[in-house]
Amino acid sequence: MGRTFGIFITILWLVCMAALLQRDVVPYWQAQDPPEQQIPDGSFQVGVTNSAGRRVGTTWIRTIRMSEHVTVYSTTQLELREVSSLLPLAGENVS
């Protein structure tokens, strides 16, 4: 009983350590340098499209540059009729 329990705890610990490394360390190793180009100041409107090229929503972006930081505000509006087929619990489309 003691040996089996010890083996089980060791395997469980190794699985948890692997999950911790995957979640916290691997993304840090894979991170690349940030883009060197500056984010332009101003307000922008961007269309959101699906893989077929159909417009499913709109995003409005506003950037404000302060001394050393850039603050980005964004709002996204999705058309639920267009994305309802992507939702896992979507009902029938009503037109």
C-alpha atoms as a PDB file:
ATOM      1  CA  MET A   1       0.000   0.000   0.000  1.00  0.00           C
ATOM      2  CA  GLY A   2       2.765   2.466   0.942  1.00  0.00           C
ATOM      3  CA  ARG A   3       4.814   1.897  -2.194  1.00  0.00           C
ATOM      4  CA  THR A   4       1.754   2.190  -4.481  1.00  0.00           C
ATOM      5  CA  PHE A   5       0.691   5.387  -2.757  1.00  0.00           C
ATOM      6  CA  GLY A   6       4.203   6.834  -3.098  1.00  0.00           C
ATOM      7  CA  ILE A   7       4.334   6.011  -6.808  1.00  0.00           C
ATOM      8  CA  PHE A   8       0.883   7.556  -7.331  1.00  0.00           C
ATOM      9  CA  ILE A   9       1.858  10.764  -5.500  1.00  0.00           C
ATOM     10  CA  THR A  10       5.127  11.006  -7.472  1.00  0.00           C
ATOM     11  CA  ILE A  11       3.336  10.599 -10.808  1.00  0.00           C
ATOM     12  CA  LEU A  12       0.703  13.147  -9.781  1.00  0.00           C
ATOM     13  CA  TRP A  13       3.442  15.600  -8.744  1.00  0.00           C
ATOM     14  CA  LEU A  14       5.272  15.154 -12.077  1.00  0.00           C
ATOM     15  CA  VAL A  15       2.052  15.767 -14.043  1.00  0.00           C
ATOM     16  CA  CYS A  16       1.364  18.927 -12.019  1.00  0.00           C
ATOM     17  CA  MET A  17       4.916  20.209 -12.552  1.00  0.00           C
ATOM     18  CA  ALA A  18       4.648  19.559 -16.301  1.00  0.00           C
ATOM     19  CA  ALA A  19       1.354  21.475 -16.415  1.00  0.00           C
ATOM     20  CA  LEU A  20       2.915  24.343 -14.460  1.00  0.00           C
ATOM     21  CA  LEU A  21       5.865  24.525 -16.842  1.00  0.00           C
ATOM     22  CA  GLN A  22       3.544  24.432 -19.856  1.00  0.00           C
ATOM     23  CA  ARG A  23       1.370  27.235 -18.476  1.00  0.00           C
ATOM     24  CA  ASP A  24       3.985  29.567 -16.951  1.00  0.00           C
ATOM     25  CA  VAL A  25       7.452  28.900 -18.382  1.00  0.00           C
ATOM     26  CA  VAL A  26       7.008  27.782 -22.008  1.00  0.00           C
ATOM     27  CA  PRO A  27       5.129  30.958 -23.112  1.00  0.00           C
ATOM     28  CA  TYR A  28       7.941  33.065 -21.601  1.00  0.00           C
ATOM     29  CA  TRP A  29      10.537  31.117 -23.595  1.00  0.00           C
ATOM     30  CA  GLN A  30       8.531  31.470 -26.803  1.00  0.00           C
ATOM     31  CA  ALA A  31       7.835  35.196 -26.451  1.00  0.00           C
ATOM     32  CA  GLN A  32       9.340  37.359 -29.142  1.00  0.00           C
ATOM     33  CA  ASP A  33      10.450  40.970 -29.038  1.00  0.00           C
ATOM     34  CA  PRO A  34       7.647  43.518 -29.216  1.00  0.00           C
ATOM     35  CA  PRO A  35       7.121  45.260 -32.560  1.00  0.00           C
ATOM     36  CA  GLU A  36       9.345  48.282 -33.044  1.00  0.00           C
ATOM     37  CA  GLN A  37       6.803  50.378 -34.921  1.00  0.00           C
ATOM     38  CA  GLN A  38       4.798  52.836 -32.884  1.00  0.00           C
ATOM     39  CA  ILE A  39       1.053  52.532 -32.496  1.00  0.00           C
ATOM     40  CA  PRO A  40      -0.408  55.623 -34.173  1.00  0.00           C
ATOM     41  CA  ASP A  41      -2.500  58.000 -32.063  1.00  0.00           C
ATOM     42  CA  GLY A  42      -6.118  58.485 -33.027  1.00  0.00           C
ATOM     43  CA  SER A  43      -9.395  56.693 -33.480  1.00  0.00           C
ATOM     44  CA  PHE A  44      -9.934  53.819 -35.883  1.00  0.00           C
ATOM     45  CA  GLN A  45     -12.800  51.570 -36.958  1.00  0.00           C
ATOM     46  CA  VAL A  46     -12.042  48.011 -38.058  1.00  0.00           C
ATOM     47  CA  GLY A  47     -14.373  45.419 -39.544  1.00  0.00           C
ATOM     48  CA  VAL A  48     -14.414  41.920 -38.021  1.00  0.00           C
ATOM     49  CA  THR A  49     -14.808  39.186 -40.639  1.00  0.00           C
ATOM     50  CA  ASN A  50     -15.111  35.418 -40.513  1.00  0.00           C
ATOM     51  CA  SER A  51     -13.025  32.955 -42.537  1.00  0.00           C
ATOM     52  CA  ALA A  52     -15.438  33.286 -45.476  1.00  0.00           C
ATOM     53  CA  GLY A  53     -14.920  37.062 -45.595  1.00  0.00           C
ATOM     54  CA  ARG A  54     -18.400  37.962 -44.292  1.00  0.00           C
ATOM     55  CA  ARG A  55     -18.553  40.858 -41.865  1.00  0.00           C
ATOM     56  CA  VAL A  56     -19.600  39.685 -38.396  1.00  0.00           C
ATOM     57  CA  GLY A  57     -18.924  42.824 -36.393  1.00  0.00           C
ATOM     58  CA  THR A  58     -17.057  46.073 -35.867  1.00  0.00           C
ATOM     59  CA  THR A  59     -14.291  47.190 -33.504  1.00  0.00           C
ATOM     60  CA  TRP A  60     -13.631  50.810 -32.580  1.00  0.00           C
ATOM     61  CA  ILE A  61     -10.116  51.567 -31.320  1.00  0.00           C
ATOM     62  CA  ARG A  62      -8.819  54.738 -29.661  1.00  0.00           C
ATOM     63  CA  THR A  63      -5.166  55.193 -28.711  1.00  0.00           C
ATOM     64  CA  ILE A  64      -3.776  57.888 -26.435  1.00  0.00           C
ATOM     65  CA  ARG A  65      -0.047  58.451 -26.007  1.00  0.00           C
ATOM     66  CA  MET A  66       1.173  59.628 -22.613  1.00  0.00           C
ATOM     67  CA  SER A  67       4.794  60.318 -21.681  1.00  0.00           C
ATOM     68  CA  GLU A  68       6.122  56.737 -21.877  1.00  0.00           C
ATOM     69  CA  HIS A  69       2.963  54.685 -22.274  1.00  0.00           C
ATOM     70  CA  VAL A  70       0.285  54.159 -24.870  1.00  0.00           C
ATOM     71  CA  THR A  71      -3.251  53.483 -23.662  1.00  0.00           C
ATOM     72  CA  VAL A  72      -5.511  51.568 -26.034  1.00  0.00           C
ATOM     73  CA  TYR A  73      -9.300  51.593 -25.616  1.00  0.00           C
ATOM     74  CA  SER A  74     -11.399  49.301 -27.766  1.00  0.00           C
ATOM     75  CA  THR A  75     -15.037  48.344 -28.121  1.00  0.00           C
ATOM     76  CA  THR A  76     -16.251  45.418 -30.200  1.00  0.00           C
ATOM     77  CA  GLN A  77     -19.788  44.842 -31.416  1.00  0.00           C
ATOM     78  CA  LEU A  78     -20.624  41.446 -32.901  1.00  0.00           C
ATOM     79  CA  GLU A  79     -23.690  40.671 -34.997  1.00  0.00           C
ATOM     80  CA  LEU A  80     -25.145  37.646 -33.204  1.00  0.00           C
ATOM     81  CA  ARG A  81     -27.013  36.442 -36.291  1.00  0.00           C
ATOM     82  CA  GLU A  82     -23.705  36.192 -38.136  1.00  0.00           C
ATOM     83  CA  VAL A  83     -21.765  34.426 -35.366  1.00  0.00           C
ATOM     84  CA  SER A  84     -24.592  32.240 -34.019  1.00  0.00           C
ATOM     85  CA  SER A  85     -23.371  29.246 -36.009  1.00  0.00           C
ATOM     86  CA  LEU A  86     -20.030  29.517 -34.196  1.00  0.00           C
ATOM     87  CA  LEU A  87     -21.606  29.356 -30.730  1.00  0.00           C
ATOM     88  CA  PRO A  88     -21.662  25.850 -29.244  1.00  0.00           C
ATOM     89  CA  LEU A  89     -25.222  26.162 -27.877  1.00  0.00           C
ATOM     90  CA  ALA A  90     -26.754  28.140 -30.743  1.00  0.00           C
ATOM     91  CA  GLY A  91     -30.328  27.403 -31.689  1.00  0.00           C
ATOM     92  CA  GLU A  92     -31.835  27.630 -35.112  1.00  0.00           C
ATOM     93  CA  ASN A  93     -31.266  30.841 -37.052  1.00  0.00           C
ATOM     94  CA  VAL A  94     -34.415  32.929 -37.181  1.00  0.00           C
ATOM     95  CA  SER A  95     -34.650  35.330 -40.100  1.00  0.00           C
END
